[in-house]
Amino acid sequence: MLSLRTDFVEKIYSAVDNIPMITYDDFRKLDIRIGTIVSAERVQGTDKLLRLEVDFGTEKRQIIAGIAETYQSEHLVGKEIPVLLNLEPRRIRGIESQGMILAADADGAPILLHPDRQVPPGSIVR
């Protein structure tokens, strides 16, 4: 018999309950692709931000991500990650971010997601 921790299940469902449902067509508007991190460095004057250069095969993009408290930049190079590409660019601490990495949230800490085997840069996430 499967036993689930009630507090864990309630936490997950309460978070989902506060997010409005979207249509399949809304989901199809998201351009999520796998990119390979080619460089990573801490953003000066911050504790949380890393500047990532991510290769998508046909282009490279700069992504600013709040993962520096969890990940060391030198351990990220070569990792494949999913990135939302068709998000309007945003300036964070004066640096343009050209997408958003997707990560799981585990007790407030970001946990990066990776394909279970290597895929070509720019592969579409469906």
C-alpha atoms as a PDB file:
ATOM      1  CA  MET A   1       0.000   0.000   0.000  1.00  0.00           C
ATOM      2  CA  LEU A   2       1.311   3.446  -0.955  1.00  0.00           C
ATOM      3  CA  SER A   3       1.647   5.819   1.973  1.00  0.00           C
ATOM      4  CA  LEU A   4       1.836   9.563   1.302  1.00  0.00           C
ATOM      5  CA  ARG A   5       2.748  12.274   3.751  1.00  0.00           C
ATOM      6  CA  THR A   6      -0.399  14.338   4.124  1.00  0.00           C
ATOM      7  CA  ASP A   7       1.477  17.631   4.691  1.00  0.00           C
ATOM      8  CA  PHE A   8       3.500  17.135   1.501  1.00  0.00           C
ATOM      9  CA  VAL A   9       0.423  16.360  -0.591  1.00  0.00           C
ATOM     10  CA  GLU A  10      -1.496  19.329   0.865  1.00  0.00           C
ATOM     11  CA  LYS A  11       1.425  21.662   0.098  1.00  0.00           C
ATOM     12  CA  ILE A  12       1.551  20.539  -3.541  1.00  0.00           C
ATOM     13  CA  TYR A  13      -2.208  20.744  -4.097  1.00  0.00           C
ATOM     14  CA  SER A  14      -2.556  24.108  -2.382  1.00  0.00           C
ATOM     15  CA  ALA A  15       0.084  25.554  -4.734  1.00  0.00           C
ATOM     16  CA  VAL A  16      -1.661  24.098  -7.794  1.00  0.00           C
ATOM     17  CA  ASP A  17      -5.059  25.359  -6.630  1.00  0.00           C
ATOM     18  CA  ASN A  18      -3.843  28.983  -6.767  1.00  0.00           C
ATOM     19  CA  ILE A  19      -2.684  28.781 -10.390  1.00  0.00           C
ATOM     20  CA  PRO A  20      -5.342  29.332 -13.064  1.00  0.00           C
ATOM     21  CA  MET A  21      -5.906  26.602 -15.635  1.00  0.00           C
ATOM     22  CA  ILE A  22      -4.644  27.340 -19.169  1.00  0.00           C
ATOM     23  CA  THR A  23      -5.771  25.889 -22.456  1.00  0.00           C
ATOM     24  CA  TYR A  24      -3.729  23.582 -24.636  1.00  0.00           C
ATOM     25  CA  ASP A  25      -3.427  26.463 -27.118  1.00  0.00           C
ATOM     26  CA  ASP A  26      -1.926  28.628 -24.339  1.00  0.00           C
ATOM     27  CA  PHE A  27       0.645  25.920 -23.615  1.00  0.00           C
ATOM     28  CA  ARG A  28       1.532  25.658 -27.315  1.00  0.00           C
ATOM     29  CA  LYS A  29       2.525  29.351 -27.249  1.00  0.00           C
ATOM     30  CA  LEU A  30       5.459  28.521 -24.953  1.00  0.00           C
ATOM     31  CA  ASP A  31       8.753  27.963 -26.763  1.00  0.00           C
ATOM     32  CA  ILE A  32      10.667  25.734 -24.344  1.00  0.00           C
ATOM     33  CA  ARG A  33      13.931  24.300 -25.640  1.00  0.00           C
ATOM     34  CA  ILE A  34      16.935  22.453 -24.291  1.00  0.00           C
ATOM     35  CA  GLY A  35      20.123  24.481 -24.187  1.00  0.00           C
ATOM     36  CA  THR A  36      23.660  23.649 -23.120  1.00  0.00           C
ATOM     37  CA  ILE A  37      25.341  25.960 -20.621  1.00  0.00           C
ATOM     38  CA  VAL A  38      28.645  27.104 -22.158  1.00  0.00           C
ATOM     39  CA  SER A  39      29.635  29.581 -19.449  1.00  0.00           C
ATOM     40  CA  ALA A  40      28.446  30.659 -16.028  1.00  0.00           C
ATOM     41  CA  GLU A  41      29.594  33.441 -13.722  1.00  0.00           C
ATOM     42  CA  ARG A  42      28.311  35.192 -10.653  1.00  0.00           C
ATOM     43  CA  VAL A  43      26.743  38.612 -11.199  1.00  0.00           C
ATOM     44  CA  GLN A  44      28.888  41.101  -9.284  1.00  0.00           C
ATOM     45  CA  GLY A  45      27.310  42.551  -6.165  1.00  0.00           C
ATOM     46  CA  THR A  46      24.733  39.767  -5.780  1.00  0.00           C
ATOM     47  CA  ASP A  47      24.485  36.593  -3.738  1.00  0.00           C
ATOM     48  CA  LYS A  48      21.823  34.836  -5.796  1.00  0.00           C
ATOM     49  CA  LEU A  49      22.390  35.672  -9.468  1.00  0.00           C
ATOM     50  CA  LEU A  50      24.414  33.853 -12.114  1.00  0.00           C
ATOM     51  CA  ARG A  51      24.899  34.988 -15.712  1.00  0.00           C
ATOM     52  CA  LEU A  52      24.632  31.949 -17.967  1.00  0.00           C
ATOM     53  CA  GLU A  53      25.522  31.736 -21.634  1.00  0.00           C
ATOM     54  CA  VAL A  54      23.354  28.995 -23.115  1.00  0.00           C
ATOM     55  CA  ASP A  55      23.787  27.408 -26.569  1.00  0.00           C
ATOM     56  CA  PHE A  56      20.626  26.459 -28.480  1.00  0.00           C
ATOM     57  CA  GLY A  57      22.376  25.240 -31.623  1.00  0.00           C
ATOM     58  CA  THR A  58      21.409  28.120 -33.902  1.00  0.00           C
ATOM     59  CA  GLU A  59      22.021  30.860 -31.335  1.00  0.00           C
ATOM     60  CA  LYS A  60      23.441  31.559 -27.884  1.00  0.00           C
ATOM     61  CA  ARG A  61      21.537  33.514 -25.256  1.00  0.00           C
ATOM     62  CA  GLN A  62      22.368  35.195 -21.993  1.00  0.00           C
ATOM     63  CA  ILE A  63      20.160  34.092 -19.101  1.00  0.00           C
ATOM     64  CA  ILE A  64      20.243  35.661 -15.625  1.00  0.00           C
ATOM     65  CA  ALA A  65      19.170  33.093 -13.031  1.00  0.00           C
ATOM     66  CA  GLY A  66      18.743  33.220  -9.263  1.00  0.00           C
ATOM     67  CA  ILE A  67      20.544  29.927  -8.611  1.00  0.00           C
ATOM     68  CA  ALA A  68      23.938  31.028  -7.208  1.00  0.00           C
ATOM     69  CA  GLU A  69      23.102  30.010  -3.635  1.00  0.00           C
ATOM     70  CA  THR A  70      22.456  26.442  -4.789  1.00  0.00           C
ATOM     71  CA  TYR A  71      24.871  25.950  -7.702  1.00  0.00           C
ATOM     72  CA  GLN A  72      28.526  26.814  -8.253  1.00  0.00           C
ATOM     73  CA  SER A  73      29.136  28.271 -11.693  1.00  0.00           C
ATOM     74  CA  GLU A  74      32.014  25.913 -12.554  1.00  0.00           C
ATOM     75  CA  HIS A  75      29.736  22.874 -12.064  1.00  0.00           C
ATOM     76  CA  LEU A  76      27.131  24.124 -14.536  1.00  0.00           C
ATOM     77  CA  VAL A  77      29.195  24.264 -17.737  1.00  0.00           C
ATOM     78  CA  GLY A  78      28.129  21.472 -20.103  1.00  0.00           C
ATOM     79  CA  LYS A  79      24.771  20.871 -18.376  1.00  0.00           C
ATOM     80  CA  GLU A  80      21.630  20.698 -20.505  1.00  0.00           C
ATOM     81  CA  ILE A  81      18.647  22.672 -19.193  1.00  0.00           C
ATOM     82  CA  PRO A  82      15.152  23.606 -20.387  1.00  0.00           C
ATOM     83  CA  VAL A  83      14.666  27.324 -21.083  1.00  0.00           C
ATOM     84  CA  LEU A  84      11.577  29.351 -21.924  1.00  0.00           C
ATOM     85  CA  LEU A  85      12.758  31.327 -24.958  1.00  0.00           C
ATOM     86  CA  ASN A  86       9.775  33.411 -26.043  1.00  0.00           C
ATOM     87  CA  LEU A  87       9.633  35.462 -22.855  1.00  0.00           C
ATOM     88  CA  GLU A  88      10.187  39.178 -23.325  1.00  0.00           C
ATOM     89  CA  PRO A  89      13.783  40.143 -22.429  1.00  0.00           C
ATOM     90  CA  ARG A  90      14.130  41.666 -18.966  1.00  0.00           C
ATOM     91  CA  ARG A  91      16.909  43.694 -17.376  1.00  0.00           C
ATOM     92  CA  ILE A  92      18.026  42.269 -14.047  1.00  0.00           C
ATOM     93  CA  ARG A  93      20.637  44.314 -12.186  1.00  0.00           C
ATOM     94  CA  GLY A  94      21.346  46.131 -15.440  1.00  0.00           C
ATOM     95  CA  ILE A  95      21.967  42.928 -17.447  1.00  0.00           C
ATOM     96  CA  GLU A  96      19.554  41.700 -20.103  1.00  0.00           C
ATOM     97  CA  SER A  97      18.136  38.210 -19.555  1.00  0.00           C
ATOM     98  CA  GLN A  98      16.941  36.582 -22.780  1.00  0.00           C
ATOM     99  CA  GLY A  99      14.874  33.723 -21.380  1.00  0.00           C
ATOM    100  CA  MET A 100      14.056  31.848 -18.186  1.00  0.00           C
ATOM    101  CA  ILE A 101      15.423  28.521 -17.008  1.00  0.00           C
ATOM    102  CA  LEU A 102      12.923  25.981 -15.713  1.00  0.00           C
ATOM    103  CA  ALA A 103      13.644  24.488 -12.311  1.00  0.00           C
ATOM    104  CA  ALA A 104      11.795  22.631  -9.600  1.00  0.00           C
ATOM    105  CA  ASP A 105      11.295  24.310  -6.231  1.00  0.00           C
ATOM    106  CA  ALA A 106      12.308  22.140  -3.273  1.00  0.00           C
ATOM    107  CA  ASP A 107      11.690  23.965   0.005  1.00  0.00           C
ATOM    108  CA  GLY A 108      12.530  27.296  -1.619  1.00  0.00           C
ATOM    109  CA  ALA A 109      15.706  26.108  -3.368  1.00  0.00           C
ATOM    110  CA  PRO A 110      15.887  25.783  -7.168  1.00  0.00           C
ATOM    111  CA  ILE A 111      16.646  22.308  -8.514  1.00  0.00           C
ATOM    112  CA  LEU A 112      17.656  22.274 -12.176  1.00  0.00           C
ATOM    113  CA  LEU A 113      15.935  19.914 -14.588  1.00  0.00           C
ATOM    114  CA  HIS A 114      17.910  17.899 -17.147  1.00  0.00           C
ATOM    115  CA  PRO A 115      17.029  15.444 -19.944  1.00  0.00           C
ATOM    116  CA  ASP A 116      17.712  11.838 -18.911  1.00  0.00           C
ATOM    117  CA  ARG A 117      20.056  11.491 -21.905  1.00  0.00           C
ATOM    118  CA  GLN A 118      21.902  13.949 -24.114  1.00  0.00           C
ATOM    119  CA  VAL A 119      19.829  15.734 -26.760  1.00  0.00           C
ATOM    120  CA  PRO A 120      20.867  18.224 -29.460  1.00  0.00           C
ATOM    121  CA  PRO A 121      20.927  21.875 -28.358  1.00  0.00           C
ATOM    122  CA  GLY A 122      17.675  23.560 -29.341  1.00  0.00           C
ATOM    123  CA  SER A 123      15.548  20.429 -28.932  1.00  0.00           C
ATOM    124  CA  ILE A 124      11.920  21.384 -28.341  1.00  0.00           C
ATOM    125  CA  VAL A 125      10.294  20.441 -25.036  1.00  0.00           C
ATOM    126  CA  ARG A 126       6.755  19.184 -25.620  1.00  0.00           C
END
